[in-house]
Amino acid sequence: MDLTPTLLWQVVTTLAIAPLAYFLKASLDRLRQMELCLSRTREQLAREYATKADLHADVGRVLARLDKLDGKLDRLLTARFGGGE
């Protein structure tokens, strides 16, 4: 078998393209893996955070308790200091 310039050129291009193709395949596989991890993370975050409705209900309960406490303080101060006369 003679080493012709065409054969030599084919060997050189094959040796240059093969590592590039391997690197590209490995990079795409890693990208797919990262996309999968990212989608799983998004699912987990969605489960852990409160919804707007839950947050609104909790804030409403806190405000109701504060209003009740405010009324008690008003009654206490009125009884103690005589109603601001």
PDB file of N, CA and C in Angstrom:
ATOM      1  N   MET A   1       0.856  -1.167   0.000  1.00  0.00           N
ATOM      2  CA  MET A   1       0.000   0.000   0.000  1.00  0.00           C
ATOM      3  C   MET A   1       0.906   1.236   0.000  1.00  0.00           C
ATOM      4  N   ASP A   2       0.659   2.084  -0.952  1.00  0.00           N
ATOM      5  CA  ASP A   2       1.462   3.293  -1.097  1.00  0.00           C
ATOM      6  C   ASP A   2       0.865   4.411  -0.262  1.00  0.00           C
ATOM      7  N   LEU A   3       1.726   5.227   0.265  1.00  0.00           N
ATOM      8  CA  LEU A   3       1.302   6.382   1.061  1.00  0.00           C
ATOM      9  C   LEU A   3       1.163   7.575   0.119  1.00  0.00           C
ATOM     10  N   THR A   4      -0.003   7.679  -0.464  1.00  0.00           N
ATOM     11  CA  THR A   4      -0.254   8.767  -1.412  1.00  0.00           C
ATOM     12  C   THR A   4      -0.651  10.014  -0.643  1.00  0.00           C
ATOM     13  N   PRO A   5      -0.542  11.171  -1.266  1.00  0.00           N
ATOM     14  CA  PRO A   5      -0.959  12.399  -0.582  1.00  0.00           C
ATOM     15  C   PRO A   5      -2.432  12.385  -0.172  1.00  0.00           C
ATOM     16  N   THR A   6      -3.269  11.760  -0.967  1.00  0.00           N
ATOM     17  CA  THR A   6      -4.695  11.686  -0.624  1.00  0.00           C
ATOM     18  C   THR A   6      -4.897  10.853   0.637  1.00  0.00           C
ATOM     19  N   LEU A   7      -4.247   9.714   0.700  1.00  0.00           N
ATOM     20  CA  LEU A   7      -4.354   8.854   1.875  1.00  0.00           C
ATOM     21  C   LEU A   7      -3.779   9.549   3.103  1.00  0.00           C
ATOM     22  N   LEU A   8      -2.670  10.210   2.933  1.00  0.00           N
ATOM     23  CA  LEU A   8      -2.062  10.943   4.041  1.00  0.00           C
ATOM     24  C   LEU A   8      -3.002  12.048   4.536  1.00  0.00           C
ATOM     25  N   TRP A   9      -3.608  12.753   3.610  1.00  0.00           N
ATOM     26  CA  TRP A   9      -4.555  13.823   3.971  1.00  0.00           C
ATOM     27  C   TRP A   9      -5.762  13.250   4.716  1.00  0.00           C
ATOM     28  N   GLN A  10      -6.282  12.106   4.288  1.00  0.00           N
ATOM     29  CA  GLN A  10      -7.413  11.467   4.959  1.00  0.00           C
ATOM     30  C   GLN A  10      -7.049  11.039   6.379  1.00  0.00           C
ATOM     31  N   VAL A  11      -5.853  10.524   6.565  1.00  0.00           N
ATOM     32  CA  VAL A  11      -5.409  10.105   7.898  1.00  0.00           C
ATOM     33  C   VAL A  11      -5.286  11.318   8.814  1.00  0.00           C
ATOM     34  N   VAL A  12      -4.699  12.386   8.304  1.00  0.00           N
ATOM     35  CA  VAL A  12      -4.525  13.595   9.109  1.00  0.00           C
ATOM     36  C   VAL A  12      -5.874  14.195   9.484  1.00  0.00           C
ATOM     37  N   THR A  13      -6.789  14.299   8.542  1.00  0.00           N
ATOM     38  CA  THR A  13      -8.105  14.875   8.857  1.00  0.00           C
ATOM     39  C   THR A  13      -8.882  13.976   9.811  1.00  0.00           C
ATOM     40  N   THR A  14      -8.752  12.669   9.667  1.00  0.00           N
ATOM     41  CA  THR A  14      -9.429  11.754  10.589  1.00  0.00           C
ATOM     42  C   THR A  14      -8.879  11.914  11.998  1.00  0.00           C
ATOM     43  N   LEU A  15      -7.569  12.013  12.116  1.00  0.00           N
ATOM     44  CA  LEU A  15      -6.964  12.181  13.434  1.00  0.00           C
ATOM     45  C   LEU A  15      -7.284  13.544  14.036  1.00  0.00           C
ATOM     46  N   ALA A  16      -7.569  14.525  13.223  1.00  0.00           N
ATOM     47  CA  ALA A  16      -7.920  15.848  13.737  1.00  0.00           C
ATOM     48  C   ALA A  16      -9.401  15.941  14.086  1.00  0.00           C
ATOM     49  N   ILE A  17     -10.249  15.294  13.303  1.00  0.00           N
ATOM     50  CA  ILE A  17     -11.696  15.409  13.499  1.00  0.00           C
ATOM     51  C   ILE A  17     -12.194  14.464  14.589  1.00  0.00           C
ATOM     52  N   ALA A  18     -11.592  13.303  14.755  1.00  0.00           N
ATOM     53  CA  ALA A  18     -12.064  12.327  15.745  1.00  0.00           C
ATOM     54  C   ALA A  18     -12.071  12.891  17.164  1.00  0.00           C
ATOM     55  N   PRO A  19     -11.002  13.529  17.648  1.00  0.00           N
ATOM     56  CA  PRO A  19     -11.070  14.095  19.006  1.00  0.00           C
ATOM     57  C   PRO A  19     -12.092  15.225  19.120  1.00  0.00           C
ATOM     58  N   LEU A  20     -12.222  15.997  18.044  1.00  0.00           N
ATOM     59  CA  LEU A  20     -13.215  17.072  18.049  1.00  0.00           C
ATOM     60  C   LEU A  20     -14.631  16.501  18.152  1.00  0.00           C
ATOM     61  N   ALA A  21     -14.902  15.439  17.409  1.00  0.00           N
ATOM     62  CA  ALA A  21     -16.217  14.799  17.468  1.00  0.00           C
ATOM     63  C   ALA A  21     -16.466  14.196  18.850  1.00  0.00           C
ATOM     64  N   TYR A  22     -15.447  13.576  19.430  1.00  0.00           N
ATOM     65  CA  TYR A  22     -15.592  13.005  20.768  1.00  0.00           C
ATOM     66  C   TYR A  22     -15.870  14.105  21.794  1.00  0.00           C
ATOM     67  N   PHE A  23     -15.135  15.204  21.707  1.00  0.00           N
ATOM     68  CA  PHE A  23     -15.344  16.328  22.622  1.00  0.00           C
ATOM     69  C   PHE A  23     -16.751  16.898  22.464  1.00  0.00           C
ATOM     70  N   LEU A  24     -17.214  17.037  21.235  1.00  0.00           N
ATOM     71  CA  LEU A  24     -18.557  17.564  20.984  1.00  0.00           C
ATOM     72  C   LEU A  24     -19.620  16.632  21.561  1.00  0.00           C
ATOM     73  N   LYS A  25     -19.460  15.326  21.372  1.00  0.00           N
ATOM     74  CA  LYS A  25     -20.429  14.369  21.920  1.00  0.00           C
ATOM     75  C   LYS A  25     -20.434  14.413  23.444  1.00  0.00           C
ATOM     76  N   ALA A  26     -19.255  14.460  24.056  1.00  0.00           N
ATOM     77  CA  ALA A  26     -19.172  14.517  25.518  1.00  0.00           C
ATOM     78  C   ALA A  26     -19.794  15.808  26.044  1.00  0.00           C
ATOM     79  N   SER A  27     -19.593  16.906  25.342  1.00  0.00           N
ATOM     80  CA  SER A  27     -20.171  18.185  25.768  1.00  0.00           C
ATOM     81  C   SER A  27     -21.690  18.160  25.676  1.00  0.00           C
ATOM     82  N   LEU A  28     -22.217  17.591  24.611  1.00  0.00           N
ATOM     83  CA  LEU A  28     -23.672  17.507  24.468  1.00  0.00           C
ATOM     84  C   LEU A  28     -24.287  16.588  25.520  1.00  0.00           C
ATOM     85  N   ASP A  29     -23.609  15.486  25.830  1.00  0.00           N
ATOM     86  CA  ASP A  29     -24.103  14.595  26.889  1.00  0.00           C
ATOM     87  C   ASP A  29     -24.127  15.311  28.233  1.00  0.00           C
ATOM     88  N   ARG A  30     -23.089  16.069  28.516  1.00  0.00           N
ATOM     89  CA  ARG A  30     -23.022  16.821  29.782  1.00  0.00           C
ATOM     90  C   ARG A  30     -24.105  17.896  29.820  1.00  0.00           C
ATOM     91  N   LEU A  31     -24.363  18.535  28.688  1.00  0.00           N
ATOM     92  CA  LEU A  31     -25.417  19.547  28.621  1.00  0.00           C
ATOM     93  C   LEU A  31     -26.783  18.928  28.902  1.00  0.00           C
ATOM     94  N   ARG A  32     -27.047  17.768  28.329  1.00  0.00           N
ATOM     95  CA  ARG A  32     -28.324  17.085  28.596  1.00  0.00           C
ATOM     96  C   ARG A  32     -28.459  16.734  30.077  1.00  0.00           C
ATOM     97  N   GLN A  33     -27.357  16.272  30.671  1.00  0.00           N
ATOM     98  CA  GLN A  33     -27.368  15.921  32.092  1.00  0.00           C
ATOM     99  C   GLN A  33     -27.642  17.158  32.950  1.00  0.00           C
ATOM    100  N   MET A  34     -27.044  18.277  32.614  1.00  0.00           N
ATOM    101  CA  MET A  34     -27.263  19.509  33.375  1.00  0.00           C
ATOM    102  C   MET A  34     -28.696  20.012  33.210  1.00  0.00           C
ATOM    103  N   GLU A  35     -29.267  19.886  32.016  1.00  0.00           N
ATOM    104  CA  GLU A  35     -30.658  20.283  31.807  1.00  0.00           C
ATOM    105  C   GLU A  35     -31.593  19.437  32.660  1.00  0.00           C
ATOM    106  N   LEU A  36     -31.310  18.151  32.766  1.00  0.00           N
ATOM    107  CA  LEU A  36     -32.117  17.266  33.597  1.00  0.00           C
ATOM    108  C   LEU A  36     -32.018  17.667  35.066  1.00  0.00           C
ATOM    109  N   CYS A  37     -30.811  17.946  35.536  1.00  0.00           N
ATOM    110  CA  CYS A  37     -30.626  18.380  36.927  1.00  0.00           C
ATOM    111  C   CYS A  37     -31.338  19.703  37.182  1.00  0.00           C
ATOM    112  N   LEU A  38     -31.279  20.606  36.228  1.00  0.00           N
ATOM    113  CA  LEU A  38     -31.942  21.897  36.375  1.00  0.00           C
ATOM    114  C   LEU A  38     -33.453  21.735  36.455  1.00  0.00           C
ATOM    115  N   SER A  39     -34.019  20.869  35.635  1.00  0.00           N
ATOM    116  CA  SER A  39     -35.467  20.671  35.689  1.00  0.00           C
ATOM    117  C   SER A  39     -35.880  20.024  37.010  1.00  0.00           C
ATOM    118  N   ARG A  40     -35.067  19.116  37.531  1.00  0.00           N
ATOM    119  CA  ARG A  40     -35.375  18.512  38.836  1.00  0.00           C
ATOM    120  C   ARG A  40     -35.297  19.550  39.949  1.00  0.00           C
ATOM    121  N   THR A  41     -34.311  20.436  39.861  1.00  0.00           N
ATOM    122  CA  THR A  41     -34.175  21.493  40.865  1.00  0.00           C
ATOM    123  C   THR A  41     -35.384  22.414  40.833  1.00  0.00           C
ATOM    124  N   ARG A  42     -35.846  22.764  39.650  1.00  0.00           N
ATOM    125  CA  ARG A  42     -37.034  23.621  39.532  1.00  0.00           C
ATOM    126  C   ARG A  42     -38.256  22.948  40.148  1.00  0.00           C
ATOM    127  N   GLU A  43     -38.391  21.639  39.942  1.00  0.00           N
ATOM    128  CA  GLU A  43     -39.517  20.918  40.537  1.00  0.00           C
ATOM    129  C   GLU A  43     -39.432  20.942  42.058  1.00  0.00           C
ATOM    130  N   GLN A  44     -38.241  20.755  42.596  1.00  0.00           N
ATOM    131  CA  GLN A  44     -38.080  20.754  44.049  1.00  0.00           C
ATOM    132  C   GLN A  44     -38.352  22.130  44.628  1.00  0.00           C
ATOM    133  N   LEU A  45     -37.908  23.173  43.971  1.00  0.00           N
ATOM    134  CA  LEU A  45     -38.154  24.527  44.461  1.00  0.00           C
ATOM    135  C   LEU A  45     -39.638  24.839  44.455  1.00  0.00           C
ATOM    136  N   ALA A  46     -40.335  24.378  43.441  1.00  0.00           N
ATOM    137  CA  ALA A  46     -41.770  24.637  43.372  1.00  0.00           C
ATOM    138  C   ALA A  46     -42.508  23.961  44.523  1.00  0.00           C
ATOM    139  N   ARG A  47     -42.002  22.827  44.985  1.00  0.00           N
ATOM    140  CA  ARG A  47     -42.648  22.142  46.103  1.00  0.00           C
ATOM    141  C   ARG A  47     -42.361  22.813  47.436  1.00  0.00           C
ATOM    142  N   GLU A  48     -41.210  23.446  47.583  1.00  0.00           N
ATOM    143  CA  GLU A  48     -40.790  23.970  48.879  1.00  0.00           C
ATOM    144  C   GLU A  48     -41.307  25.371  49.177  1.00  0.00           C
ATOM    145  N   TYR A  49     -41.599  26.159  48.173  1.00  0.00           N
ATOM    146  CA  TYR A  49     -42.014  27.528  48.412  1.00  0.00           C
ATOM    147  C   TYR A  49     -43.524  27.627  48.583  1.00  0.00           C
ATOM    148  N   ALA A  50     -43.955  28.637  49.328  1.00  0.00           N
ATOM    149  CA  ALA A  50     -45.378  28.848  49.572  1.00  0.00           C
ATOM    150  C   ALA A  50     -46.017  29.504  48.356  1.00  0.00           C
ATOM    151  N   THR A  51     -47.278  29.190  48.147  1.00  0.00           N
ATOM    152  CA  THR A  51     -48.006  29.839  47.063  1.00  0.00           C
ATOM    153  C   THR A  51     -48.472  31.210  47.528  1.00  0.00           C
ATOM    154  N   LYS A  52     -48.938  32.015  46.592  1.00  0.00           N
ATOM    155  CA  LYS A  52     -49.425  33.348  46.947  1.00  0.00           C
ATOM    156  C   LYS A  52     -50.643  33.253  47.863  1.00  0.00           C
ATOM    157  N   ALA A  53     -51.502  32.289  47.606  1.00  0.00           N
ATOM    158  CA  ALA A  53     -52.698  32.133  48.434  1.00  0.00           C
ATOM    159  C   ALA A  53     -52.323  31.760  49.871  1.00  0.00           C
ATOM    160  N   ASP A  54     -51.367  30.847  50.023  1.00  0.00           N
ATOM    161  CA  ASP A  54     -50.917  30.470  51.366  1.00  0.00           C
ATOM    162  C   ASP A  54     -50.302  31.661  52.089  1.00  0.00           C
ATOM    163  N   LEU A  55     -49.476  32.398  51.388  1.00  0.00           N
ATOM    164  CA  LEU A  55     -48.833  33.562  51.988  1.00  0.00           C
ATOM    165  C   LEU A  55     -49.867  34.609  52.380  1.00  0.00           C
ATOM    166  N   HIS A  56     -50.844  34.837  51.527  1.00  0.00           N
ATOM    167  CA  HIS A  56     -51.891  35.816  51.817  1.00  0.00           C
ATOM    168  C   HIS A  56     -52.688  35.403  53.058  1.00  0.00           C
ATOM    169  N   ALA A  57     -53.003  34.120  53.169  1.00  0.00           N
ATOM    170  CA  ALA A  57     -53.750  33.632  54.331  1.00  0.00           C
ATOM    171  C   ALA A  57     -52.930  33.794  55.609  1.00  0.00           C
ATOM    172  N   ASP A  58     -51.648  33.473  55.548  1.00  0.00           N
ATOM    173  CA  ASP A  58     -50.793  33.609  56.732  1.00  0.00           C
ATOM    174  C   ASP A  58     -50.650  35.065  57.158  1.00  0.00           C
ATOM    175  N   VAL A  59     -50.461  35.956  56.205  1.00  0.00           N
ATOM    176  CA  VAL A  59     -50.347  37.381  56.527  1.00  0.00           C
ATOM    177  C   VAL A  59     -51.656  37.888  57.117  1.00  0.00           C
ATOM    178  N   GLY A  60     -52.776  37.413  56.593  1.00  0.00           N
ATOM    179  CA  GLY A  60     -54.076  37.800  57.140  1.00  0.00           C
ATOM    180  C   GLY A  60     -54.235  37.376  58.589  1.00  0.00           C
ATOM    181  N   ARG A  61     -53.787  36.168  58.910  1.00  0.00           N
ATOM    182  CA  ARG A  61     -53.868  35.702  60.295  1.00  0.00           C
ATOM    183  C   ARG A  61     -52.973  36.526  61.208  1.00  0.00           C
ATOM    184  N   VAL A  62     -51.784  36.869  60.753  1.00  0.00           N
ATOM    185  CA  VAL A  62     -50.873  37.679  61.565  1.00  0.00           C
ATOM    186  C   VAL A  62     -51.473  39.059  61.804  1.00  0.00           C
ATOM    187  N   LEU A  63     -52.031  39.657  60.770  1.00  0.00           N
ATOM    188  CA  LEU A  63     -52.637  40.984  60.929  1.00  0.00           C
ATOM    189  C   LEU A  63     -53.843  40.941  61.864  1.00  0.00           C
ATOM    190  N   ALA A  64     -54.631  39.874  61.795  1.00  0.00           N
ATOM    191  CA  ALA A  64     -55.771  39.744  62.707  1.00  0.00           C
ATOM    192  C   ALA A  64     -55.288  39.649  64.152  1.00  0.00           C
ATOM    193  N   ARG A  65     -54.223  38.907  64.374  1.00  0.00           N
ATOM    194  CA  ARG A  65     -53.671  38.804  65.727  1.00  0.00           C
ATOM    195  C   ARG A  65     -53.133  40.144  66.207  1.00  0.00           C
ATOM    196  N   LEU A  66     -52.491  40.884  65.318  1.00  0.00           N
ATOM    197  CA  LEU A  66     -51.979  42.201  65.700  1.00  0.00           C
ATOM    198  C   LEU A  66     -53.116  43.165  66.037  1.00  0.00           C
ATOM    199  N   ASP A  67     -54.203  43.104  65.268  1.00  0.00           N
ATOM    200  CA  ASP A  67     -55.361  43.949  65.579  1.00  0.00           C
ATOM    201  C   ASP A  67     -55.944  43.589  66.942  1.00  0.00           C
ATOM    202  N   LYS A  68     -56.012  42.304  67.237  1.00  0.00           N
ATOM    203  CA  LYS A  68     -56.524  41.857  68.528  1.00  0.00           C
ATOM    204  C   LYS A  68     -55.613  42.338  69.661  1.00  0.00           C
ATOM    205  N   LEU A  69     -54.313  42.232  69.464  1.00  0.00           N
ATOM    206  CA  LEU A  69     -53.351  42.702  70.456  1.00  0.00           C
ATOM    207  C   LEU A  69     -53.445  44.218  70.633  1.00  0.00           C
ATOM    208  N   ASP A  70     -53.658  44.941  69.542  1.00  0.00           N
ATOM    209  CA  ASP A  70     -53.810  46.395  69.610  1.00  0.00           C
ATOM    210  C   ASP A  70     -55.033  46.768  70.452  1.00  0.00           C
ATOM    211  N   GLY A  71     -56.119  46.044  70.267  1.00  0.00           N
ATOM    212  CA  GLY A  71     -57.313  46.304  71.071  1.00  0.00           C
ATOM    213  C   GLY A  71     -57.076  46.044  72.547  1.00  0.00           C
ATOM    214  N   LYS A  72     -56.370  44.986  72.857  1.00  0.00           N
ATOM    215  CA  LYS A  72     -56.071  44.678  74.254  1.00  0.00           C
ATOM    216  C   LYS A  72     -55.187  45.753  74.875  1.00  0.00           C
ATOM    217  N   LEU A  73     -54.197  46.219  74.133  1.00  0.00           N
ATOM    218  CA  LEU A  73     -53.335  47.286  74.654  1.00  0.00           C
ATOM    219  C   LEU A  73     -54.125  48.573  74.875  1.00  0.00           C
ATOM    220  N   ASP A  74     -55.028  48.886  73.959  1.00  0.00           N
ATOM    221  CA  ASP A  74     -55.863  50.080  74.135  1.00  0.00           C
ATOM    222  C   ASP A  74     -56.704  49.973  75.404  1.00  0.00           C
ATOM    223  N   ARG A  75     -57.318  48.820  75.625  1.00  0.00           N
ATOM    224  CA  ARG A  75     -58.134  48.637  76.831  1.00  0.00           C
ATOM    225  C   ARG A  75     -57.277  48.726  78.089  1.00  0.00           C
ATOM    226  N   LEU A  76     -56.092  48.148  78.061  1.00  0.00           N
ATOM    227  CA  LEU A  76     -55.198  48.179  79.211  1.00  0.00           C
ATOM    228  C   LEU A  76     -54.763  49.610  79.525  1.00  0.00           C
ATOM    229  N   LEU A  77     -54.368  50.343  78.509  1.00  0.00           N
ATOM    230  CA  LEU A  77     -53.924  51.721  78.733  1.00  0.00           C
ATOM    231  C   LEU A  77     -55.077  52.619  79.172  1.00  0.00           C
ATOM    232  N   THR A  78     -56.261  52.377  78.640  1.00  0.00           N
ATOM    233  CA  THR A  78     -57.428  53.159  79.046  1.00  0.00           C
ATOM    234  C   THR A  78     -57.759  52.892  80.507  1.00  0.00           C
ATOM    235  N   ALA A  79     -57.709  51.627  80.908  1.00  0.00           N
ATOM    236  CA  ALA A  79     -58.010  51.289  82.297  1.00  0.00           C
ATOM    237  C   ALA A  79     -56.927  51.815  83.235  1.00  0.00           C
ATOM    238  N   ARG A  80     -55.712  51.808  82.817  1.00  0.00           N
ATOM    239  CA  ARG A  80     -54.609  52.214  83.686  1.00  0.00           C
ATOM    240  C   ARG A  80     -54.489  53.732  83.812  1.00  0.00           C
ATOM    241  N   PHE A  81     -54.659  54.446  82.719  1.00  0.00           N
ATOM    242  CA  PHE A  81     -54.432  55.884  82.740  1.00  0.00           C
ATOM    243  C   PHE A  81     -55.713  56.701  82.618  1.00  0.00           C
ATOM    244  N   GLY A  82     -56.823  56.095  82.630  1.00  0.00           N
ATOM    245  CA  GLY A  82     -58.090  56.802  82.726  1.00  0.00           C
ATOM    246  C   GLY A  82     -58.641  57.368  81.437  1.00  0.00           C
ATOM    247  N   GLY A  83     -58.322  56.845  80.305  1.00  0.00           N
ATOM    248  CA  GLY A  83     -58.996  57.243  79.081  1.00  0.00           C
ATOM    249  C   GLY A  83     -58.563  58.569  78.506  1.00  0.00           C
ATOM    250  N   GLY A  84     -57.459  59.131  78.885  1.00  0.00           N
ATOM    251  CA  GLY A  84     -56.943  60.345  78.283  1.00  0.00           C
ATOM    252  C   GLY A  84     -57.713  61.591  78.629  1.00  0.00           C
ATOM    253  N   GLU A  85     -58.321  61.681  79.799  1.00  0.00           N
ATOM    254  CA  GLU A  85     -59.103  62.867  80.201  1.00  0.00           C
ATOM    255  C   GLU A  85     -58.250  63.999  80.629  1.00  0.00           C
TER     256      GLU A  85
END
